[in-house]
Amino acid sequence: MFNQLLSNIDNIELWAETDKKENRGDFKLYYSAVHPENNFILMKNGADTVVAISYMPSIFFTSNPAFCEETEKWIESIINESLLIIGSSTK
């Protein structure tokens, strides 16, 4: 378990340094003073958008357009007030 954690940290460091997550697209790592109680993941592939919400130990997925749009706006507002760890940000 400890080795897996170290491997995950190494991967995140590499993604932050290169702004790429392997061959899967762009990767940005932010520090935010806002601490959402749950994990929200917004996944986009062209016109398709899915939001995953993690309520440990359960996870909820939805592709409802209205929910995905509002979640994207909320995440973007948090990003705009956050500090990009590698590179530059608006804050």
PDB file of N, CA and C in Angstrom:
ATOM      1  N   MET A   1       0.821  -1.177   0.000  1.00  0.00           N
ATOM      2  CA  MET A   1       0.000   0.000   0.000  1.00  0.00           C
ATOM      3  C   MET A   1       0.878   1.258   0.000  1.00  0.00           C
ATOM      4  N   PHE A   2       1.954   1.248   0.768  1.00  0.00           N
ATOM      5  CA  PHE A   2       2.859   2.381   0.828  1.00  0.00           C
ATOM      6  C   PHE A   2       3.514   2.617  -0.538  1.00  0.00           C
ATOM      7  N   ASN A   3       3.918   1.541  -1.215  1.00  0.00           N
ATOM      8  CA  ASN A   3       4.522   1.668  -2.542  1.00  0.00           C
ATOM      9  C   ASN A   3       3.531   2.239  -3.553  1.00  0.00           C
ATOM     10  N   GLN A   4       2.271   1.856  -3.467  1.00  0.00           N
ATOM     11  CA  GLN A   4       1.242   2.390  -4.358  1.00  0.00           C
ATOM     12  C   GLN A   4       1.055   3.885  -4.116  1.00  0.00           C
ATOM     13  N   LEU A   5       1.065   4.299  -2.863  1.00  0.00           N
ATOM     14  CA  LEU A   5       0.949   5.713  -2.533  1.00  0.00           C
ATOM     15  C   LEU A   5       2.121   6.504  -3.122  1.00  0.00           C
ATOM     16  N   LEU A   6       3.334   5.993  -2.957  1.00  0.00           N
ATOM     17  CA  LEU A   6       4.512   6.650  -3.532  1.00  0.00           C
ATOM     18  C   LEU A   6       4.421   6.730  -5.054  1.00  0.00           C
ATOM     19  N   SER A   7       3.936   5.679  -5.677  1.00  0.00           N
ATOM     20  CA  SER A   7       3.768   5.666  -7.124  1.00  0.00           C
ATOM     21  C   SER A   7       2.750   6.718  -7.564  1.00  0.00           C
ATOM     22  N   ASN A   8       1.650   6.833  -6.826  1.00  0.00           N
ATOM     23  CA  ASN A   8       0.634   7.843  -7.134  1.00  0.00           C
ATOM     24  C   ASN A   8       1.207   9.256  -7.008  1.00  0.00           C
ATOM     25  N   ILE A   9       1.988   9.491  -5.965  1.00  0.00           N
ATOM     26  CA  ILE A   9       2.611  10.808  -5.774  1.00  0.00           C
ATOM     27  C   ILE A   9       3.569  11.111  -6.921  1.00  0.00           C
ATOM     28  N   ASP A  10       4.369  10.124  -7.323  1.00  0.00           N
ATOM     29  CA  ASP A  10       5.276  10.305  -8.463  1.00  0.00           C
ATOM     30  C   ASP A  10       4.506  10.654  -9.728  1.00  0.00           C
ATOM     31  N   ASN A  11       3.391   9.969  -9.971  1.00  0.00           N
ATOM     32  CA  ASN A  11       2.567  10.246 -11.156  1.00  0.00           C
ATOM     33  C   ASN A  11       2.014  11.667 -11.120  1.00  0.00           C
ATOM     34  N   ILE A  12       1.488  12.085  -9.984  1.00  0.00           N
ATOM     35  CA  ILE A  12       0.922  13.421  -9.859  1.00  0.00           C
ATOM     36  C   ILE A  12       2.002  14.479 -10.066  1.00  0.00           C
ATOM     37  N   GLU A  13       3.196  14.252  -9.525  1.00  0.00           N
ATOM     38  CA  GLU A  13       4.298  15.188  -9.740  1.00  0.00           C
ATOM     39  C   GLU A  13       4.632  15.303 -11.225  1.00  0.00           C
ATOM     40  N   LEU A  14       4.687  14.185 -11.919  1.00  0.00           N
ATOM     41  CA  LEU A  14       4.986  14.188 -13.355  1.00  0.00           C
ATOM     42  C   LEU A  14       3.890  14.918 -14.125  1.00  0.00           C
ATOM     43  N   TRP A  15       2.626  14.640 -13.807  1.00  0.00           N
ATOM     44  CA  TRP A  15       1.517  15.300 -14.487  1.00  0.00           C
ATOM     45  C   TRP A  15       1.568  16.807 -14.254  1.00  0.00           C
ATOM     46  N   ALA A  16       1.873  17.235 -13.021  1.00  0.00           N
ATOM     47  CA  ALA A  16       1.943  18.662 -12.707  1.00  0.00           C
ATOM     48  C   ALA A  16       3.097  19.331 -13.450  1.00  0.00           C
ATOM     49  N   GLU A  17       4.219  18.645 -13.577  1.00  0.00           N
ATOM     50  CA  GLU A  17       5.387  19.200 -14.272  1.00  0.00           C
ATOM     51  C   GLU A  17       5.157  19.341 -15.770  1.00  0.00           C
ATOM     52  N   THR A  18       4.433  18.406 -16.354  1.00  0.00           N
ATOM     53  CA  THR A  18       4.247  18.391 -17.810  1.00  0.00           C
ATOM     54  C   THR A  18       2.907  18.958 -18.257  1.00  0.00           C
ATOM     55  N   ASP A  19       2.003  19.221 -17.322  1.00  0.00           N
ATOM     56  CA  ASP A  19       0.626  19.656 -17.627  1.00  0.00           C
ATOM     57  C   ASP A  19      -0.116  18.636 -18.476  1.00  0.00           C
ATOM     58  N   LYS A  20       0.324  17.394 -18.452  1.00  0.00           N
ATOM     59  CA  LYS A  20      -0.325  16.324 -19.226  1.00  0.00           C
ATOM     60  C   LYS A  20      -0.507  15.107 -18.332  1.00  0.00           C
ATOM     61  N   LYS A  21      -1.623  14.430 -18.497  1.00  0.00           N
ATOM     62  CA  LYS A  21      -1.882  13.191 -17.775  1.00  0.00           C
ATOM     63  C   LYS A  21      -1.721  12.047 -18.762  1.00  0.00           C
ATOM     64  N   GLU A  22      -0.479  11.589 -18.858  1.00  0.00           N
ATOM     65  CA  GLU A  22      -0.103  10.543 -19.813  1.00  0.00           C
ATOM     66  C   GLU A  22      -0.635  10.907 -21.189  1.00  0.00           C
ATOM     67  N   ASN A  23      -1.355  10.052 -21.848  1.00  0.00           N
ATOM     68  CA  ASN A  23      -1.900  10.361 -23.168  1.00  0.00           C
ATOM     69  C   ASN A  23      -3.380  10.704 -23.100  1.00  0.00           C
ATOM     70  N   ARG A  24      -3.839  11.128 -21.920  1.00  0.00           N
ATOM     71  CA  ARG A  24      -5.269  11.352 -21.718  1.00  0.00           C
ATOM     72  C   ARG A  24      -5.673  12.812 -21.701  1.00  0.00           C
ATOM     73  N   GLY A  25      -4.771  13.738 -21.975  1.00  0.00           N
ATOM     74  CA  GLY A  25      -5.166  15.137 -22.043  1.00  0.00           C
ATOM     75  C   GLY A  25      -4.476  16.003 -21.019  1.00  0.00           C
ATOM     76  N   ASP A  26      -4.952  17.241 -20.929  1.00  0.00           N
ATOM     77  CA  ASP A  26      -4.348  18.239 -20.055  1.00  0.00           C
ATOM     78  C   ASP A  26      -4.595  17.917 -18.588  1.00  0.00           C
ATOM     79  N   PHE A  27      -3.655  18.362 -17.753  1.00  0.00           N
ATOM     80  CA  PHE A  27      -3.749  18.158 -16.315  1.00  0.00           C
ATOM     81  C   PHE A  27      -3.310  19.438 -15.623  1.00  0.00           C
ATOM     82  N   LYS A  28      -4.128  19.950 -14.740  1.00  0.00           N
ATOM     83  CA  LYS A  28      -3.795  21.122 -13.937  1.00  0.00           C
ATOM     84  C   LYS A  28      -4.003  20.778 -12.472  1.00  0.00           C
ATOM     85  N   LEU A  29      -3.081  21.211 -11.636  1.00  0.00           N
ATOM     86  CA  LEU A  29      -3.156  20.944 -10.202  1.00  0.00           C
ATOM     87  C   LEU A  29      -3.263  22.278  -9.482  1.00  0.00           C
ATOM     88  N   TYR A  30      -4.320  22.445  -8.676  1.00  0.00           N
ATOM     89  CA  TYR A  30      -4.604  23.700  -8.006  1.00  0.00           C
ATOM     90  C   TYR A  30      -4.615  23.516  -6.493  1.00  0.00           C
ATOM     91  N   TYR A  31      -4.317  24.613  -5.794  1.00  0.00           N
ATOM     92  CA  TYR A  31      -4.548  24.689  -4.357  1.00  0.00           C
ATOM     93  C   TYR A  31      -5.746  25.604  -4.161  1.00  0.00           C
ATOM     94  N   SER A  32      -6.716  25.171  -3.385  1.00  0.00           N
ATOM     95  CA  SER A  32      -7.911  25.965  -3.154  1.00  0.00           C
ATOM     96  C   SER A  32      -8.204  26.045  -1.661  1.00  0.00           C
ATOM     97  N   ALA A  33      -8.559  27.247  -1.224  1.00  0.00           N
ATOM     98  CA  ALA A  33      -8.975  27.421   0.171  1.00  0.00           C
ATOM     99  C   ALA A  33     -10.380  26.883   0.398  1.00  0.00           C
ATOM    100  N   VAL A  34     -11.125  26.668  -0.687  1.00  0.00           N
ATOM    101  CA  VAL A  34     -12.463  26.093  -0.596  1.00  0.00           C
ATOM    102  C   VAL A  34     -12.310  24.574  -0.470  1.00  0.00           C
ATOM    103  N   HIS A  35     -12.969  24.011   0.511  1.00  0.00           N
ATOM    104  CA  HIS A  35     -12.888  22.573   0.740  1.00  0.00           C
ATOM    105  C   HIS A  35     -14.260  21.939   0.570  1.00  0.00           C
ATOM    106  N   PRO A  36     -14.596  21.523  -0.663  1.00  0.00           N
ATOM    107  CA  PRO A  36     -15.891  20.847  -0.835  1.00  0.00           C
ATOM    108  C   PRO A  36     -15.949  19.597   0.037  1.00  0.00           C
ATOM    109  N   GLU A  37     -17.112  19.331   0.582  1.00  0.00           N
ATOM    110  CA  GLU A  37     -17.258  18.170   1.450  1.00  0.00           C
ATOM    111  C   GLU A  37     -17.140  16.861   0.698  1.00  0.00           C
ATOM    112  N   ASN A  38     -17.340  16.906  -0.595  1.00  0.00           N
ATOM    113  CA  ASN A  38     -17.291  15.698  -1.409  1.00  0.00           C
ATOM    114  C   ASN A  38     -16.415  15.958  -2.628  1.00  0.00           C
ATOM    115  N   ASN A  39     -16.050  14.907  -3.307  1.00  0.00           N
ATOM    116  CA  ASN A  39     -15.226  15.025  -4.507  1.00  0.00           C
ATOM    117  C   ASN A  39     -16.122  15.104  -5.730  1.00  0.00           C
ATOM    118  N   PHE A  40     -15.922  16.146  -6.530  1.00  0.00           N
ATOM    119  CA  PHE A  40     -16.627  16.321  -7.788  1.00  0.00           C
ATOM    120  C   PHE A  40     -15.620  16.174  -8.912  1.00  0.00           C
ATOM    121  N   ILE A  41     -15.924  15.341  -9.881  1.00  0.00           N
ATOM    122  CA  ILE A  41     -15.060  15.141 -11.041  1.00  0.00           C
ATOM    123  C   ILE A  41     -15.890  15.413 -12.282  1.00  0.00           C
ATOM    124  N   LEU A  42     -15.431  16.352 -13.095  1.00  0.00           N
ATOM    125  CA  LEU A  42     -16.111  16.698 -14.334  1.00  0.00           C
ATOM    126  C   LEU A  42     -15.302  16.092 -15.472  1.00  0.00           C
ATOM    127  N   MET A  43     -15.933  15.218 -16.248  1.00  0.00           N
ATOM    128  CA  MET A  43     -15.260  14.552 -17.358  1.00  0.00           C
ATOM    129  C   MET A  43     -15.916  14.976 -18.657  1.00  0.00           C
ATOM    130  N   LYS A  44     -15.099  15.472 -19.597  1.00  0.00           N
ATOM    131  CA  LYS A  44     -15.620  15.925 -20.882  1.00  0.00           C
ATOM    132  C   LYS A  44     -14.889  15.207 -21.998  1.00  0.00           C
ATOM    133  N   ASN A  45     -15.663  14.797 -22.991  1.00  0.00           N
ATOM    134  CA  ASN A  45     -15.120  14.179 -24.192  1.00  0.00           C
ATOM    135  C   ASN A  45     -15.935  14.703 -25.362  1.00  0.00           C
ATOM    136  N   GLY A  46     -15.431  15.771 -25.968  1.00  0.00           N
ATOM    137  CA  GLY A  46     -16.210  16.400 -27.029  1.00  0.00           C
ATOM    138  C   GLY A  46     -17.462  17.020 -26.458  1.00  0.00           C
ATOM    139  N   ALA A  47     -18.610  16.657 -27.002  1.00  0.00           N
ATOM    140  CA  ALA A  47     -19.888  17.197 -26.535  1.00  0.00           C
ATOM    141  C   ALA A  47     -20.429  16.434 -25.329  1.00  0.00           C
ATOM    142  N   ASP A  48     -19.830  15.302 -24.995  1.00  0.00           N
ATOM    143  CA  ASP A  48     -20.306  14.488 -23.880  1.00  0.00           C
ATOM    144  C   ASP A  48     -19.685  14.956 -22.567  1.00  0.00           C
ATOM    145  N   THR A  49     -20.523  15.145 -21.555  1.00  0.00           N
ATOM    146  CA  THR A  49     -20.067  15.564 -20.234  1.00  0.00           C
ATOM    147  C   THR A  49     -20.706  14.655 -19.192  1.00  0.00           C
ATOM    148  N   VAL A  50     -19.892  14.236 -18.220  1.00  0.00           N
ATOM    149  CA  VAL A  50     -20.376  13.419 -17.110  1.00  0.00           C
ATOM    150  C   VAL A  50     -19.791  13.990 -15.827  1.00  0.00           C
ATOM    151  N   VAL A  51     -20.590  14.040 -14.780  1.00  0.00           N
ATOM    152  CA  VAL A  51     -20.127  14.457 -13.464  1.00  0.00           C
ATOM    153  C   VAL A  51     -20.159  13.240 -12.556  1.00  0.00           C
ATOM    154  N   ALA A  52     -19.063  13.031 -11.845  1.00  0.00           N
ATOM    155  CA  ALA A  52     -18.985  11.979 -10.833  1.00  0.00           C
ATOM    156  C   ALA A  52     -18.883  12.663  -9.475  1.00  0.00           C
ATOM    157  N   ILE A  53     -19.715  12.239  -8.550  1.00  0.00           N
ATOM    158  CA  ILE A  53     -19.705  12.790  -7.193  1.00  0.00           C
ATOM    159  C   ILE A  53     -19.449  11.627  -6.245  1.00  0.00           C
ATOM    160  N   SER A  54     -18.408  11.773  -5.449  1.00  0.00           N
ATOM    161  CA  SER A  54     -18.027  10.704  -4.542  1.00  0.00           C
ATOM    162  C   SER A  54     -18.512  11.014  -3.132  1.00  0.00           C
ATOM    163  N   TYR A  55     -19.428  10.203  -2.661  1.00  0.00           N
ATOM    164  CA  TYR A  55     -19.854  10.214  -1.268  1.00  0.00           C
ATOM    165  C   TYR A  55     -19.353   8.897  -0.695  1.00  0.00           C
ATOM    166  N   MET A  56     -18.204   8.936  -0.072  1.00  0.00           N
ATOM    167  CA  MET A  56     -17.575   7.686   0.351  1.00  0.00           C
ATOM    168  C   MET A  56     -18.547   6.828   1.122  1.00  0.00           C
ATOM    169  N   PRO A  57     -18.674   5.572   0.847  1.00  0.00           N
ATOM    170  CA  PRO A  57     -17.964   4.784  -0.158  1.00  0.00           C
ATOM    171  C   PRO A  57     -18.704   4.706  -1.492  1.00  0.00           C
ATOM    172  N   SER A  58     -19.769   5.466  -1.663  1.00  0.00           N
ATOM    173  CA  SER A  58     -20.555   5.396  -2.895  1.00  0.00           C
ATOM    174  C   SER A  58     -20.106   6.454  -3.888  1.00  0.00           C
ATOM    175  N   ILE A  59     -20.447   6.248  -5.152  1.00  0.00           N
ATOM    176  CA  ILE A  59     -20.156   7.234  -6.194  1.00  0.00           C
ATOM    177  C   ILE A  59     -21.380   7.354  -7.090  1.00  0.00           C
ATOM    178  N   PHE A  60     -21.676   8.566  -7.492  1.00  0.00           N
ATOM    179  CA  PHE A  60     -22.859   8.883  -8.286  1.00  0.00           C
ATOM    180  C   PHE A  60     -22.390   9.480  -9.611  1.00  0.00           C
ATOM    181  N   PHE A  61     -22.906   8.980 -10.721  1.00  0.00           N
ATOM    182  CA  PHE A  61     -22.589   9.500 -12.050  1.00  0.00           C
ATOM    183  C   PHE A  61     -23.863  10.048 -12.677  1.00  0.00           C
ATOM    184  N   THR A  62     -23.734  11.180 -13.367  1.00  0.00           N
ATOM    185  CA  THR A  62     -24.869  11.718 -14.114  1.00  0.00           C
ATOM    186  C   THR A  62     -24.372  12.414 -15.374  1.00  0.00           C
ATOM    187  N   SER A  63     -25.177  12.341 -16.407  1.00  0.00           N
ATOM    188  CA  SER A  63     -24.905  13.092 -17.634  1.00  0.00           C
ATOM    189  C   SER A  63     -26.034  14.082 -17.903  1.00  0.00           C
ATOM    190  N   ASN A  64     -26.829  14.379 -16.881  1.00  0.00           N
ATOM    191  CA  ASN A  64     -27.910  15.348 -17.006  1.00  0.00           C
ATOM    192  C   ASN A  64     -27.313  16.692 -17.420  1.00  0.00           C
ATOM    193  N   PRO A  65     -27.703  17.218 -18.593  1.00  0.00           N
ATOM    194  CA  PRO A  65     -27.069  18.447 -19.109  1.00  0.00           C
ATOM    195  C   PRO A  65     -27.138  19.639 -18.151  1.00  0.00           C
ATOM    196  N   ALA A  66     -28.272  19.868 -17.531  1.00  0.00           N
ATOM    197  CA  ALA A  66     -28.409  21.014 -16.627  1.00  0.00           C
ATOM    198  C   ALA A  66     -27.505  20.855 -15.410  1.00  0.00           C
ATOM    199  N   PHE A  67     -27.470  19.669 -14.836  1.00  0.00           N
ATOM    200  CA  PHE A  67     -26.628  19.423 -13.671  1.00  0.00           C
ATOM    201  C   PHE A  67     -25.156  19.555 -14.038  1.00  0.00           C
ATOM    202  N   CYS A  68     -24.759  18.982 -15.181  1.00  0.00           N
ATOM    203  CA  CYS A  68     -23.362  19.047 -15.621  1.00  0.00           C
ATOM    204  C   CYS A  68     -22.938  20.490 -15.882  1.00  0.00           C
ATOM    205  N   GLU A  69     -23.824  21.285 -16.494  1.00  0.00           N
ATOM    206  CA  GLU A  69     -23.502  22.688 -16.789  1.00  0.00           C
ATOM    207  C   GLU A  69     -23.314  23.489 -15.499  1.00  0.00           C
ATOM    208  N   GLU A  70     -24.211  23.310 -14.537  1.00  0.00           N
ATOM    209  CA  GLU A  70     -24.083  24.034 -13.271  1.00  0.00           C
ATOM    210  C   GLU A  70     -22.844  23.590 -12.501  1.00  0.00           C
ATOM    211  N   THR A  71     -22.551  22.295 -12.528  1.00  0.00           N
ATOM    212  CA  THR A  71     -21.362  21.789 -11.849  1.00  0.00           C
ATOM    213  C   THR A  71     -20.103  22.347 -12.492  1.00  0.00           C
ATOM    214  N   GLU A  72     -20.074  22.410 -13.827  1.00  0.00           N
ATOM    215  CA  GLU A  72     -18.914  22.974 -14.526  1.00  0.00           C
ATOM    216  C   GLU A  72     -18.718  24.441 -14.141  1.00  0.00           C
ATOM    217  N   LYS A  73     -19.790  25.220 -14.081  1.00  0.00           N
ATOM    218  CA  LYS A  73     -19.691  26.622 -13.676  1.00  0.00           C
ATOM    219  C   LYS A  73     -19.151  26.738 -12.250  1.00  0.00           C
ATOM    220  N   TRP A  74     -19.634  25.878 -11.354  1.00  0.00           N
ATOM    221  CA  TRP A  74     -19.203  25.895  -9.957  1.00  0.00           C
ATOM    222  C   TRP A  74     -17.721  25.552  -9.861  1.00  0.00           C
ATOM    223  N   ILE A  75     -17.289  24.511 -10.576  1.00  0.00           N
ATOM    224  CA  ILE A  75     -15.879  24.116 -10.547  1.00  0.00           C
ATOM    225  C   ILE A  75     -15.013  25.223 -11.134  1.00  0.00           C
ATOM    226  N   GLU A  76     -15.449  25.846 -12.234  1.00  0.00           N
ATOM    227  CA  GLU A  76     -14.685  26.944 -12.836  1.00  0.00           C
ATOM    228  C   GLU A  76     -14.555  28.131 -11.883  1.00  0.00           C
ATOM    229  N   SER A  77     -15.603  28.415 -11.111  1.00  0.00           N
ATOM    230  CA  SER A  77     -15.519  29.523 -10.153  1.00  0.00           C
ATOM    231  C   SER A  77     -14.510  29.203  -9.047  1.00  0.00           C
ATOM    232  N   ILE A  78     -14.444  27.952  -8.621  1.00  0.00           N
ATOM    233  CA  ILE A  78     -13.455  27.550  -7.612  1.00  0.00           C
ATOM    234  C   ILE A  78     -12.043  27.648  -8.204  1.00  0.00           C
ATOM    235  N   ILE A  79     -11.872  27.187  -9.444  1.00  0.00           N
ATOM    236  CA  ILE A  79     -10.567  27.260 -10.110  1.00  0.00           C
ATOM    237  C   ILE A  79     -10.107  28.709 -10.221  1.00  0.00           C
ATOM    238  N   ASN A  80     -11.027  29.627 -10.577  1.00  0.00           N
ATOM    239  CA  ASN A  80     -10.664  31.035 -10.721  1.00  0.00           C
ATOM    240  C   ASN A  80     -10.190  31.660  -9.420  1.00  0.00           C
ATOM    241  N   GLU A  81     -10.584  31.103  -8.287  1.00  0.00           N
ATOM    242  CA  GLU A  81     -10.163  31.620  -6.990  1.00  0.00           C
ATOM    243  C   GLU A  81      -9.048  30.773  -6.376  1.00  0.00           C
ATOM    244  N   SER A  82      -8.510  29.839  -7.151  1.00  0.00           N
ATOM    245  CA  SER A  82      -7.490  28.932  -6.644  1.00  0.00           C
ATOM    246  C   SER A  82      -6.126  29.297  -7.201  1.00  0.00           C
ATOM    247  N   LEU A  83      -5.112  28.703  -6.626  1.00  0.00           N
ATOM    248  CA  LEU A  83      -3.738  28.934  -7.044  1.00  0.00           C
ATOM    249  C   LEU A  83      -3.251  27.735  -7.846  1.00  0.00           C
ATOM    250  N   LEU A  84      -2.871  27.986  -9.103  1.00  0.00           N
ATOM    251  CA  LEU A  84      -2.313  26.937  -9.926  1.00  0.00           C
ATOM    252  C   LEU A  84      -0.922  26.617  -9.390  1.00  0.00           C
ATOM    253  N   ILE A  85      -0.701  25.388  -8.974  1.00  0.00           N
ATOM    254  CA  ILE A  85       0.546  25.015  -8.320  1.00  0.00           C
ATOM    255  C   ILE A  85       1.733  25.105  -9.273  1.00  0.00           C
ATOM    256  N   ILE A  86       1.567  24.661 -10.503  1.00  0.00           N
ATOM    257  CA  ILE A  86       2.611  24.757 -11.516  1.00  0.00           C
ATOM    258  C   ILE A  86       2.104  25.700 -12.602  1.00  0.00           C
ATOM    259  N   GLY A  87       2.878  26.726 -12.945  1.00  0.00           N
ATOM    260  CA  GLY A  87       2.480  27.670 -13.972  1.00  0.00           C
ATOM    261  C   GLY A  87       1.968  28.948 -13.339  1.00  0.00           C
ATOM    262  N   SER A  88       0.917  29.525 -13.919  1.00  0.00           N
ATOM    263  CA  SER A  88       0.385  30.780 -13.406  1.00  0.00           C
ATOM    264  C   SER A  88      -1.123  30.693 -13.302  1.00  0.00           C
ATOM    265  N   SER A  89      -1.703  31.566 -12.479  1.00  0.00           N
ATOM    266  CA  SER A  89      -3.161  31.623 -12.323  1.00  0.00           C
ATOM    267  C   SER A  89      -3.590  33.069 -12.218  1.00  0.00           C
ATOM    268  N   THR A  90      -4.919  33.298 -12.160  1.00  0.00           N
ATOM    269  CA  THR A  90      -5.430  34.658 -12.086  1.00  0.00           C
ATOM    270  C   THR A  90      -5.402  35.193 -10.659  1.00  0.00           C
ATOM    271  N   LYS A  91      -5.192  34.358  -9.676  1.00  0.00           N
ATOM    272  CA  LYS A  91      -5.200  34.826  -8.277  1.00  0.00           C
ATOM    273  C   LYS A  91      -3.848  35.342  -7.868  1.00  0.00           C
TER     274      LYS A  91
END
